[in-house]
All heavy atoms as atom14 arrays in JSON, in Angstrom:
{
  "sequence": "SNVEVRCEVQSQNFDGVAIIEIVPEGSIVKKGAFLVKLDDAKLQTDLA",
  "atom14_mask": [
    [1, 1, 1, 1, 1, 1, 0, 0, 0, 0, 0, 0, 0, 0],
    [1, 1, 1, 1, 1, 1, 1, 1, 0, 0, 0, 0, 0, 0],
    [1, 1, 1, 1, 1, 1, 1, 0, 0, 0, 0, 0, 0, 0],
    [1, 1, 1, 1, 1, 1, 1, 1, 1, 0, 0, 0, 0, 0],
    [1, 1, 1, 1, 1, 1, 1, 0, 0, 0, 0, 0, 0, 0],
    [1, 1, 1, 1, 1, 1, 1, 1, 1, 1, 1, 0, 0, 0],
    [1, 1, 1, 1, 1, 1, 0, 0, 0, 0, 0, 0, 0, 0],
    [1, 1, 1, 1, 1, 1, 1, 1, 1, 0, 0, 0, 0, 0],
    [1, 1, 1, 1, 1, 1, 1, 0, 0, 0, 0, 0, 0, 0],
    [1, 1, 1, 1, 1, 1, 1, 1, 1, 0, 0, 0, 0, 0],
    [1, 1, 1, 1, 1, 1, 0, 0, 0, 0, 0, 0, 0, 0],
    [1, 1, 1, 1, 1, 1, 1, 1, 1, 0, 0, 0, 0, 0],
    [1, 1, 1, 1, 1, 1, 1, 1, 0, 0, 0, 0, 0, 0],
    [1, 1, 1, 1, 1, 1, 1, 1, 1, 1, 1, 0, 0, 0],
    [1, 1, 1, 1, 1, 1, 1, 1, 0, 0, 0, 0, 0, 0],
    [1, 1, 1, 1, 0, 0, 0, 0, 0, 0, 0, 0, 0, 0],
    [1, 1, 1, 1, 1, 1, 1, 0, 0, 0, 0, 0, 0, 0],
    [1, 1, 1, 1, 1, 0, 0, 0, 0, 0, 0, 0, 0, 0],
    [1, 1, 1, 1, 1, 1, 1, 1, 0, 0, 0, 0, 0, 0],
    [1, 1, 1, 1, 1, 1, 1, 1, 0, 0, 0, 0, 0, 0],
    [1, 1, 1, 1, 1, 1, 1, 1, 1, 0, 0, 0, 0, 0],
    [1, 1, 1, 1, 1, 1, 1, 1, 0, 0, 0, 0, 0, 0],
    [1, 1, 1, 1, 1, 1, 1, 0, 0, 0, 0, 0, 0, 0],
    [1, 1, 1, 1, 1, 1, 1, 0, 0, 0, 0, 0, 0, 0],
    [1, 1, 1, 1, 1, 1, 1, 1, 1, 0, 0, 0, 0, 0],
    [1, 1, 1, 1, 0, 0, 0, 0, 0, 0, 0, 0, 0, 0],
    [1, 1, 1, 1, 1, 1, 0, 0, 0, 0, 0, 0, 0, 0],
    [1, 1, 1, 1, 1, 1, 1, 1, 0, 0, 0, 0, 0, 0],
    [1, 1, 1, 1, 1, 1, 1, 0, 0, 0, 0, 0, 0, 0],
    [1, 1, 1, 1, 1, 1, 1, 1, 1, 0, 0, 0, 0, 0],
    [1, 1, 1, 1, 1, 1, 1, 1, 1, 0, 0, 0, 0, 0],
    [1, 1, 1, 1, 0, 0, 0, 0, 0, 0, 0, 0, 0, 0],
    [1, 1, 1, 1, 1, 0, 0, 0, 0, 0, 0, 0, 0, 0],
    [1, 1, 1, 1, 1, 1, 1, 1, 1, 1, 1, 0, 0, 0],
    [1, 1, 1, 1, 1, 1, 1, 1, 0, 0, 0, 0, 0, 0],
    [1, 1, 1, 1, 1, 1, 1, 0, 0, 0, 0, 0, 0, 0],
    [1, 1, 1, 1, 1, 1, 1, 1, 1, 0, 0, 0, 0, 0],
    [1, 1, 1, 1, 1, 1, 1, 1, 0, 0, 0, 0, 0, 0],
    [1, 1, 1, 1, 1, 1, 1, 1, 0, 0, 0, 0, 0, 0],
    [1, 1, 1, 1, 1, 1, 1, 1, 0, 0, 0, 0, 0, 0],
    [1, 1, 1, 1, 1, 0, 0, 0, 0, 0, 0, 0, 0, 0],
    [1, 1, 1, 1, 1, 1, 1, 1, 1, 0, 0, 0, 0, 0],
    [1, 1, 1, 1, 1, 1, 1, 1, 0, 0, 0, 0, 0, 0],
    [1, 1, 1, 1, 1, 1, 1, 1, 1, 0, 0, 0, 0, 0],
    [1, 1, 1, 1, 1, 1, 1, 0, 0, 0, 0, 0, 0, 0],
    [1, 1, 1, 1, 1, 1, 1, 1, 0, 0, 0, 0, 0, 0],
    [1, 1, 1, 1, 1, 1, 1, 1, 0, 0, 0, 0, 0, 0],
    [1, 1, 1, 1, 1, 0, 0, 0, 0, 0, 0, 0, 0, 0]
  ],
  "atom14_positions": [
    [[0.77, -1.19, -0.02], [-0.01, -0.04, -0.04], [0.91, 1.23, -0.03], [1.21, 1.8, 1.09], [-0.94, 0.02, 1.22], [-1.68, 1.16, 1.31], [0.0, 0.0, 0.0], [0.0, 0.0, 0.0], [0.0, 0.0, 0.0], [0.0, 0.0, 0.0], [0.0, 0.0, 0.0], [0.0, 0.0, 0.0], [0.0, 0.0, 0.0], [0.0, 0.0, 0.0]],
    [[1.31, 1.58, -1.21], [2.18, 2.78, -1.31], [1.33, 4.02, -1.81], [0.64, 3.91, -2.85], [3.27, 2.49, -2.35], [4.49, 1.82, -1.76], [5.02, 2.37, -0.73], [4.85, 0.75, -2.28], [0.0, 0.0, 0.0], [0.0, 0.0, 0.0], [0.0, 0.0, 0.0], [0.0, 0.0, 0.0], [0.0, 0.0, 0.0], [0.0, 0.0, 0.0]],
    [[1.49, 5.11, -1.11], [0.95, 6.39, -1.57], [2.09, 7.1, -2.32], [3.05, 7.5, -1.76], [0.42, 7.2, -0.4], [-0.15, 8.51, -0.99], [-0.71, 6.48, 0.25], [0.0, 0.0, 0.0], [0.0, 0.0, 0.0], [0.0, 0.0, 0.0], [0.0, 0.0, 0.0], [0.0, 0.0, 0.0], [0.0, 0.0, 0.0], [0.0, 0.0, 0.0]],
    [[1.93, 7.24, -3.62], [3.0, 7.93, -4.48], [2.78, 9.35, -4.57], [1.6, 9.84, -4.89], [2.98, 7.29, -5.86], [3.42, 5.81, -5.8], [3.55, 5.27, -7.24], [2.83, 5.88, -8.13], [4.17, 4.17, -7.42], [0.0, 0.0, 0.0], [0.0, 0.0, 0.0], [0.0, 0.0, 0.0], [0.0, 0.0, 0.0], [0.0, 0.0, 0.0]],
    [[3.78, 10.13, -4.26], [3.74, 11.59, -4.33], [4.46, 11.94, -5.59], [5.59, 11.71, -5.77], [4.37, 12.36, -3.09], [4.35, 13.74, -3.28], [3.6, 11.86, -1.84], [0.0, 0.0, 0.0], [0.0, 0.0, 0.0], [0.0, 0.0, 0.0], [0.0, 0.0, 0.0], [0.0, 0.0, 0.0], [0.0, 0.0, 0.0], [0.0, 0.0, 0.0]],
    [[3.73, 12.57, -6.55], [4.3, 12.79, -7.96], [4.45, 14.32, -8.08], [3.83, 15.11, -7.41], [3.34, 12.31, -8.95], [3.22, 10.74, -9.02], [2.2, 10.34, -10.06], [2.09, 8.89, -9.98], [2.81, 8.06, -10.73], [3.72, 8.48, -11.58], [2.62, 6.73, -10.7], [0.0, 0.0, 0.0], [0.0, 0.0, 0.0], [0.0, 0.0, 0.0]],
    [[5.27, 14.69, -9.02], [5.42, 16.07, -9.45], [4.32, 16.39, -10.4], [4.03, 15.83, -11.4], [6.76, 16.28, -10.22], [6.92, 17.87, -11.01], [0.0, 0.0, 0.0], [0.0, 0.0, 0.0], [0.0, 0.0, 0.0], [0.0, 0.0, 0.0], [0.0, 0.0, 0.0], [0.0, 0.0, 0.0], [0.0, 0.0, 0.0], [0.0, 0.0, 0.0]],
    [[3.48, 17.31, -9.88], [2.31, 17.82, -10.76], [2.46, 19.14, -11.53], [1.62, 19.71, -12.07], [1.04, 17.98, -9.83], [0.65, 16.75, -8.97], [0.09, 15.68, -9.93], [-0.24, 16.03, -11.12], [0.06, 14.47, -9.58], [0.0, 0.0, 0.0], [0.0, 0.0, 0.0], [0.0, 0.0, 0.0], [0.0, 0.0, 0.0], [0.0, 0.0, 0.0]],
    [[3.73, 19.58, -11.47], [4.12, 20.72, -12.24], [4.43, 20.52, -13.65], [5.25, 19.58, -13.89], [5.3, 21.52, -11.52], [5.73, 22.79, -12.26], [4.9, 21.79, -10.1], [0.0, 0.0, 0.0], [0.0, 0.0, 0.0], [0.0, 0.0, 0.0], [0.0, 0.0, 0.0], [0.0, 0.0, 0.0], [0.0, 0.0, 0.0], [0.0, 0.0, 0.0]],
    [[3.88, 21.2, -14.55], [4.11, 20.94, -15.95], [5.51, 21.39, -16.32], [6.07, 22.36, -15.9], [3.18, 21.79, -16.85], [1.72, 21.39, -16.72], [0.82, 22.28, -17.5], [1.19, 23.19, -18.16], [-0.44, 21.93, -17.56], [0.0, 0.0, 0.0], [0.0, 0.0, 0.0], [0.0, 0.0, 0.0], [0.0, 0.0, 0.0], [0.0, 0.0, 0.0]],
    [[6.16, 20.42, -17.0], [7.59, 20.71, -17.41], [7.78, 21.83, -18.4], [7.1, 21.86, -19.44], [8.24, 19.37, -17.95], [8.28, 18.34, -17.06], [0.0, 0.0, 0.0], [0.0, 0.0, 0.0], [0.0, 0.0, 0.0], [0.0, 0.0, 0.0], [0.0, 0.0, 0.0], [0.0, 0.0, 0.0], [0.0, 0.0, 0.0], [0.0, 0.0, 0.0]],
    [[8.61, 22.76, -18.0], [8.83, 23.93, -18.86], [9.81, 23.53, -19.98], [9.77, 24.21, -21.0], [9.4, 25.06, -18.14], [8.45, 25.54, -16.81], [7.12, 26.02, -17.38], [7.05, 26.72, -18.35], [6.08, 25.73, -16.63], [0.0, 0.0, 0.0], [0.0, 0.0, 0.0], [0.0, 0.0, 0.0], [0.0, 0.0, 0.0], [0.0, 0.0, 0.0]],
    [[10.57, 22.54, -19.85], [11.55, 22.07, -20.82], [11.77, 20.57, -20.51], [11.07, 19.94, -19.74], [12.81, 22.87, -20.82], [13.34, 22.94, -19.37], [13.4, 21.91, -18.62], [13.74, 24.23, -19.01], [0.0, 0.0, 0.0], [0.0, 0.0, 0.0], [0.0, 0.0, 0.0], [0.0, 0.0, 0.0], [0.0, 0.0, 0.0], [0.0, 0.0, 0.0]],
    [[12.67, 20.01, -21.27], [12.89, 18.61, -21.27], [13.47, 18.2, -19.82], [13.22, 17.11, -19.38], [13.9, 18.15, -22.22], [14.24, 16.79, -22.27], [13.28, 15.75, -22.79], [15.35, 16.14, -21.78], [13.56, 14.39, -22.83], [15.66, 14.85, -21.79], [14.78, 14.02, -22.27], [0.0, 0.0, 0.0], [0.0, 0.0, 0.0], [0.0, 0.0, 0.0]],
    [[14.25, 19.09, -19.23], [14.86, 18.77, -17.92], [13.88, 18.71, -16.78], [14.02, 17.94, -15.87], [15.99, 19.81, -17.55], [17.12, 19.7, -18.68], [17.25, 18.68, -19.17], [17.83, 20.8, -18.83], [0.0, 0.0, 0.0], [0.0, 0.0, 0.0], [0.0, 0.0, 0.0], [0.0, 0.0, 0.0], [0.0, 0.0, 0.0], [0.0, 0.0, 0.0]],
    [[12.77, 19.44, -16.84], [11.86, 19.44, -15.76], [12.02, 20.61, -14.81], [12.64, 21.71, -15.17], [0.0, 0.0, 0.0], [0.0, 0.0, 0.0], [0.0, 0.0, 0.0], [0.0, 0.0, 0.0], [0.0, 0.0, 0.0], [0.0, 0.0, 0.0], [0.0, 0.0, 0.0], [0.0, 0.0, 0.0], [0.0, 0.0, 0.0], [0.0, 0.0, 0.0]],
    [[11.54, 20.44, -13.59], [11.64, 21.51, -12.57], [12.54, 21.02, -11.4], [12.47, 19.87, -11.12], [10.22, 21.84, -12.15], [9.51, 20.76, -11.5], [10.34, 23.06, -11.15], [0.0, 0.0, 0.0], [0.0, 0.0, 0.0], [0.0, 0.0, 0.0], [0.0, 0.0, 0.0], [0.0, 0.0, 0.0], [0.0, 0.0, 0.0], [0.0, 0.0, 0.0]],
    [[13.27, 21.87, -10.78], [14.22, 21.54, -9.8], [13.6, 21.45, -8.44], [12.56, 22.2, -8.13], [15.37, 22.59, -9.72], [0.0, 0.0, 0.0], [0.0, 0.0, 0.0], [0.0, 0.0, 0.0], [0.0, 0.0, 0.0], [0.0, 0.0, 0.0], [0.0, 0.0, 0.0], [0.0, 0.0, 0.0], [0.0, 0.0, 0.0], [0.0, 0.0, 0.0]],
    [[14.12, 20.59, -7.64], [13.74, 20.51, -6.22], [14.42, 21.58, -5.38], [15.62, 21.6, -5.29], [13.93, 19.05, -5.65], [13.13, 18.04, -6.4], [13.57, 18.97, -4.16], [13.33, 16.58, -6.04], [0.0, 0.0, 0.0], [0.0, 0.0, 0.0], [0.0, 0.0, 0.0], [0.0, 0.0, 0.0], [0.0, 0.0, 0.0], [0.0, 0.0, 0.0]],
    [[13.69, 22.48, -4.69], [14.38, 23.42, -3.8], [14.56, 22.93, -2.45], [15.67, 23.12, -1.87], [13.57, 24.72, -3.83], [13.37, 25.31, -5.23], [14.14, 25.78, -2.93], [14.64, 25.65, -5.86], [0.0, 0.0, 0.0], [0.0, 0.0, 0.0], [0.0, 0.0, 0.0], [0.0, 0.0, 0.0], [0.0, 0.0, 0.0], [0.0, 0.0, 0.0]],
    [[13.59, 22.18, -1.9], [13.68, 21.73, -0.54], [12.9, 20.46, -0.45], [11.85, 20.27, -1.08], [13.14, 22.74, 0.42], [13.21, 22.38, 1.88], [12.55, 23.46, 2.81], [12.15, 24.54, 2.28], [12.59, 23.2, 4.01], [0.0, 0.0, 0.0], [0.0, 0.0, 0.0], [0.0, 0.0, 0.0], [0.0, 0.0, 0.0], [0.0, 0.0, 0.0]],
    [[13.43, 19.46, 0.31], [12.73, 18.17, 0.52], [12.97, 17.73, 1.94], [14.11, 17.86, 2.38], [13.18, 17.22, -0.55], [12.4, 15.94, -0.48], [14.7, 16.9, -0.5], [12.58, 14.97, -1.77], [0.0, 0.0, 0.0], [0.0, 0.0, 0.0], [0.0, 0.0, 0.0], [0.0, 0.0, 0.0], [0.0, 0.0, 0.0], [0.0, 0.0, 0.0]],
    [[12.09, 16.96, 2.48], [12.2, 16.51, 3.82], [13.2, 15.36, 3.77], [13.31, 14.61, 2.75], [10.87, 15.95, 4.44], [9.97, 17.09, 4.56], [10.23, 14.89, 3.54], [0.0, 0.0, 0.0], [0.0, 0.0, 0.0], [0.0, 0.0, 0.0], [0.0, 0.0, 0.0], [0.0, 0.0, 0.0], [0.0, 0.0, 0.0], [0.0, 0.0, 0.0]],
    [[13.99, 15.03, 4.83], [14.93, 13.89, 4.78], [14.22, 12.48, 4.74], [13.08, 12.42, 5.2], [15.58, 14.02, 6.17], [15.37, 15.42, 6.62], [14.05, 15.87, 6.03], [0.0, 0.0, 0.0], [0.0, 0.0, 0.0], [0.0, 0.0, 0.0], [0.0, 0.0, 0.0], [0.0, 0.0, 0.0], [0.0, 0.0, 0.0], [0.0, 0.0, 0.0]],
    [[14.86, 11.71, 3.93], [14.4, 10.37, 3.74], [14.32, 9.58, 5.12], [15.14, 9.75, 5.93], [15.22, 9.62, 2.8], [14.59, 8.25, 2.34], [15.36, 7.52, 1.23], [16.56, 7.89, 0.99], [14.74, 6.69, 0.66], [0.0, 0.0, 0.0], [0.0, 0.0, 0.0], [0.0, 0.0, 0.0], [0.0, 0.0, 0.0], [0.0, 0.0, 0.0]],
    [[13.25, 8.82, 5.33], [12.95, 8.13, 6.59], [12.18, 8.86, 7.57], [11.86, 8.34, 8.65], [0.0, 0.0, 0.0], [0.0, 0.0, 0.0], [0.0, 0.0, 0.0], [0.0, 0.0, 0.0], [0.0, 0.0, 0.0], [0.0, 0.0, 0.0], [0.0, 0.0, 0.0], [0.0, 0.0, 0.0], [0.0, 0.0, 0.0], [0.0, 0.0, 0.0]],
    [[11.88, 10.16, 7.28], [11.12, 10.88, 8.26], [9.7, 10.41, 8.3], [9.05, 10.02, 7.37], [11.01, 12.47, 7.87], [12.36, 12.93, 7.74], [0.0, 0.0, 0.0], [0.0, 0.0, 0.0], [0.0, 0.0, 0.0], [0.0, 0.0, 0.0], [0.0, 0.0, 0.0], [0.0, 0.0, 0.0], [0.0, 0.0, 0.0], [0.0, 0.0, 0.0]],
    [[9.11, 10.52, 9.51], [7.78, 10.08, 9.75], [6.97, 11.41, 9.81], [7.1, 12.34, 10.45], [7.58, 9.43, 11.17], [8.43, 8.19, 11.27], [6.1, 8.95, 11.28], [8.25, 7.2, 10.19], [0.0, 0.0, 0.0], [0.0, 0.0, 0.0], [0.0, 0.0, 0.0], [0.0, 0.0, 0.0], [0.0, 0.0, 0.0], [0.0, 0.0, 0.0]],
    [[6.03, 11.43, 8.83], [5.18, 12.73, 8.56], [3.73, 12.33, 8.85], [3.26, 11.21, 8.61], [5.39, 13.27, 7.19], [6.86, 13.61, 6.97], [4.97, 12.18, 6.08], [0.0, 0.0, 0.0], [0.0, 0.0, 0.0], [0.0, 0.0, 0.0], [0.0, 0.0, 0.0], [0.0, 0.0, 0.0], [0.0, 0.0, 0.0], [0.0, 0.0, 0.0]],
    [[3.07, 13.38, 9.2], [1.53, 13.23, 9.31], [0.86, 13.8, 8.04], [1.44, 14.43, 7.25], [1.18, 14.13, 10.44], [1.56, 13.56, 11.9], [1.16, 14.44, 13.03], [1.7, 14.02, 14.32], [1.2, 14.94, 15.45], [0.0, 0.0, 0.0], [0.0, 0.0, 0.0], [0.0, 0.0, 0.0], [0.0, 0.0, 0.0], [0.0, 0.0, 0.0]],
    [[-0.44, 13.53, 8.0], [-1.23, 13.95, 6.81], [-1.2, 15.5, 6.76], [-1.41, 16.13, 7.74], [-2.59, 13.39, 6.96], [-3.48, 13.8, 5.74], [-4.85, 13.21, 5.78], [-5.66, 13.55, 4.59], [-7.03, 12.9, 4.71], [0.0, 0.0, 0.0], [0.0, 0.0, 0.0], [0.0, 0.0, 0.0], [0.0, 0.0, 0.0], [0.0, 0.0, 0.0]],
    [[-0.87, 16.07, 5.55], [-0.82, 17.38, 5.39], [0.47, 18.1, 5.66], [0.67, 19.29, 5.5], [0.0, 0.0, 0.0], [0.0, 0.0, 0.0], [0.0, 0.0, 0.0], [0.0, 0.0, 0.0], [0.0, 0.0, 0.0], [0.0, 0.0, 0.0], [0.0, 0.0, 0.0], [0.0, 0.0, 0.0], [0.0, 0.0, 0.0], [0.0, 0.0, 0.0]],
    [[1.52, 17.3, 6.11], [2.81, 17.83, 6.44], [3.54, 18.23, 5.22], [3.35, 17.69, 4.14], [3.55, 16.92, 7.35], [0.0, 0.0, 0.0], [0.0, 0.0, 0.0], [0.0, 0.0, 0.0], [0.0, 0.0, 0.0], [0.0, 0.0, 0.0], [0.0, 0.0, 0.0], [0.0, 0.0, 0.0], [0.0, 0.0, 0.0], [0.0, 0.0, 0.0]],
    [[4.54, 19.12, 5.3], [5.32, 19.54, 4.17], [6.24, 18.45, 3.7], [6.87, 17.75, 4.5], [6.19, 20.78, 4.55], [7.19, 21.14, 3.63], [6.9, 21.78, 2.39], [8.57, 20.77, 3.75], [7.84, 22.06, 1.43], [9.53, 21.04, 2.9], [9.29, 21.61, 1.66], [0.0, 0.0, 0.0], [0.0, 0.0, 0.0], [0.0, 0.0, 0.0]],
    [[6.35, 18.21, 2.44], [7.24, 17.24, 1.82], [8.28, 17.83, 0.94], [9.49, 17.65, 1.1], [6.38, 16.15, 1.1], [5.5, 15.28, 1.91], [4.72, 14.35, 0.94], [6.24, 14.5, 2.93], [0.0, 0.0, 0.0], [0.0, 0.0, 0.0], [0.0, 0.0, 0.0], [0.0, 0.0, 0.0], [0.0, 0.0, 0.0], [0.0, 0.0, 0.0]],
    [[7.81, 18.59, -0.08], [8.74, 19.04, -1.23], [8.34, 20.41, -1.6], [7.17, 20.82, -1.67], [8.65, 18.1, -2.41], [9.66, 18.48, -3.45], [8.83, 16.62, -2.08], [0.0, 0.0, 0.0], [0.0, 0.0, 0.0], [0.0, 0.0, 0.0], [0.0, 0.0, 0.0], [0.0, 0.0, 0.0], [0.0, 0.0, 0.0], [0.0, 0.0, 0.0]],
    [[9.38, 21.25, -1.85], [9.22, 22.61, -2.37], [9.93, 22.58, -3.77], [11.09, 22.37, -3.88], [9.79, 23.68, -1.58], [9.62, 25.01, -2.21], [8.21, 25.46, -2.2], [8.04, 26.98, -2.55], [8.53, 27.24, -3.92], [0.0, 0.0, 0.0], [0.0, 0.0, 0.0], [0.0, 0.0, 0.0], [0.0, 0.0, 0.0], [0.0, 0.0, 0.0]],
    [[9.24, 22.87, -4.82], [9.79, 22.95, -6.17], [9.99, 24.36, -6.61], [9.37, 25.23, -6.12], [8.89, 22.14, -7.25], [8.54, 20.74, -6.85], [7.6, 20.21, -7.86], [9.81, 19.92, -6.97], [0.0, 0.0, 0.0], [0.0, 0.0, 0.0], [0.0, 0.0, 0.0], [0.0, 0.0, 0.0], [0.0, 0.0, 0.0], [0.0, 0.0, 0.0]],
    [[10.92, 24.48, -7.62], [11.26, 25.9, -8.03], [10.07, 26.46, -8.81], [9.51, 25.92, -9.84], [12.52, 25.76, -8.93], [13.07, 27.21, -9.34], [12.52, 28.08, -8.79], [13.93, 27.24, -10.23], [0.0, 0.0, 0.0], [0.0, 0.0, 0.0], [0.0, 0.0, 0.0], [0.0, 0.0, 0.0], [0.0, 0.0, 0.0], [0.0, 0.0, 0.0]],
    [[9.63, 27.67, -8.32], [8.49, 28.34, -8.94], [8.84, 29.7, -9.52], [7.94, 30.55, -9.75], [7.26, 28.37, -8.02], [7.68, 29.3, -6.77], [8.81, 29.65, -6.62], [6.72, 29.62, -6.02], [0.0, 0.0, 0.0], [0.0, 0.0, 0.0], [0.0, 0.0, 0.0], [0.0, 0.0, 0.0], [0.0, 0.0, 0.0], [0.0, 0.0, 0.0]],
    [[10.13, 30.09, -9.65], [10.54, 31.39, -10.03], [10.02, 31.78, -11.44], [9.42, 32.79, -11.6], [12.14, 31.41, -10.02], [0.0, 0.0, 0.0], [0.0, 0.0, 0.0], [0.0, 0.0, 0.0], [0.0, 0.0, 0.0], [0.0, 0.0, 0.0], [0.0, 0.0, 0.0], [0.0, 0.0, 0.0], [0.0, 0.0, 0.0], [0.0, 0.0, 0.0]],
    [[10.12, 30.83, -12.4], [9.61, 31.11, -13.69], [8.15, 31.26, -13.7], [7.56, 32.07, -14.42], [10.02, 30.03, -14.68], [9.74, 30.28, -16.13], [10.22, 29.26, -17.11], [9.98, 29.63, -18.53], [8.46, 29.93, -18.8], [0.0, 0.0, 0.0], [0.0, 0.0, 0.0], [0.0, 0.0, 0.0], [0.0, 0.0, 0.0], [0.0, 0.0, 0.0]],
    [[7.52, 30.42, -12.9], [6.01, 30.52, -12.84], [5.66, 31.75, -12.26], [4.5, 32.32, -12.6], [5.54, 29.33, -11.97], [5.64, 27.94, -12.57], [5.22, 26.8, -11.57], [4.62, 27.8, -13.82], [0.0, 0.0, 0.0], [0.0, 0.0, 0.0], [0.0, 0.0, 0.0], [0.0, 0.0, 0.0], [0.0, 0.0, 0.0], [0.0, 0.0, 0.0]],
    [[6.29, 32.4, -11.26], [5.95, 33.68, -10.78], [6.03, 34.78, -11.81], [5.28, 35.65, -11.96], [6.89, 33.97, -9.64], [6.72, 33.15, -8.35], [5.38, 33.37, -7.66], [4.6, 34.29, -8.05], [4.99, 32.48, -6.75], [0.0, 0.0, 0.0], [0.0, 0.0, 0.0], [0.0, 0.0, 0.0], [0.0, 0.0, 0.0], [0.0, 0.0, 0.0]],
    [[7.12, 34.64, -12.63], [7.21, 35.61, -13.78], [6.01, 35.47, -14.76], [5.49, 36.46, -15.25], [8.47, 35.49, -14.51], [9.62, 35.58, -13.6], [8.65, 36.38, -15.66], [0.0, 0.0, 0.0], [0.0, 0.0, 0.0], [0.0, 0.0, 0.0], [0.0, 0.0, 0.0], [0.0, 0.0, 0.0], [0.0, 0.0, 0.0], [0.0, 0.0, 0.0]],
    [[5.73, 34.18, -15.1], [4.55, 33.92, -15.95], [3.29, 34.48, -15.32], [2.41, 34.89, -16.09], [4.48, 32.4, -16.24], [5.59, 31.9, -16.99], [6.34, 32.77, -17.63], [5.86, 30.68, -17.04], [0.0, 0.0, 0.0], [0.0, 0.0, 0.0], [0.0, 0.0, 0.0], [0.0, 0.0, 0.0], [0.0, 0.0, 0.0], [0.0, 0.0, 0.0]],
    [[3.12, 34.41, -14.07], [1.96, 34.92, -13.37], [1.8, 36.4, -13.61], [0.65, 36.88, -13.89], [2.0, 34.51, -11.9], [0.83, 35.01, -11.07], [-0.45, 34.32, -11.48], [1.08, 34.73, -9.58], [0.0, 0.0, 0.0], [0.0, 0.0, 0.0], [0.0, 0.0, 0.0], [0.0, 0.0, 0.0], [0.0, 0.0, 0.0], [0.0, 0.0, 0.0]],
    [[2.87, 37.18, -13.45], [2.76, 38.64, -13.66], [2.52, 38.95, -14.99], [1.64, 39.79, -15.28], [4.17, 39.21, -13.17], [0.0, 0.0, 0.0], [0.0, 0.0, 0.0], [0.0, 0.0, 0.0], [0.0, 0.0, 0.0], [0.0, 0.0, 0.0], [0.0, 0.0, 0.0], [0.0, 0.0, 0.0], [0.0, 0.0, 0.0], [0.0, 0.0, 0.0]]
  ]
}
């Protein structure tokens, strides 16, 4: 019973989007806890 956490950010290019921050492997997390922060700099520019 594996819950898979996937990247839901559309790839801007072939390389994809970079991971800025991620919780250490082996950490015990609760539902709703922070897991991964992806780079959104280009998306912020696109938003403006």
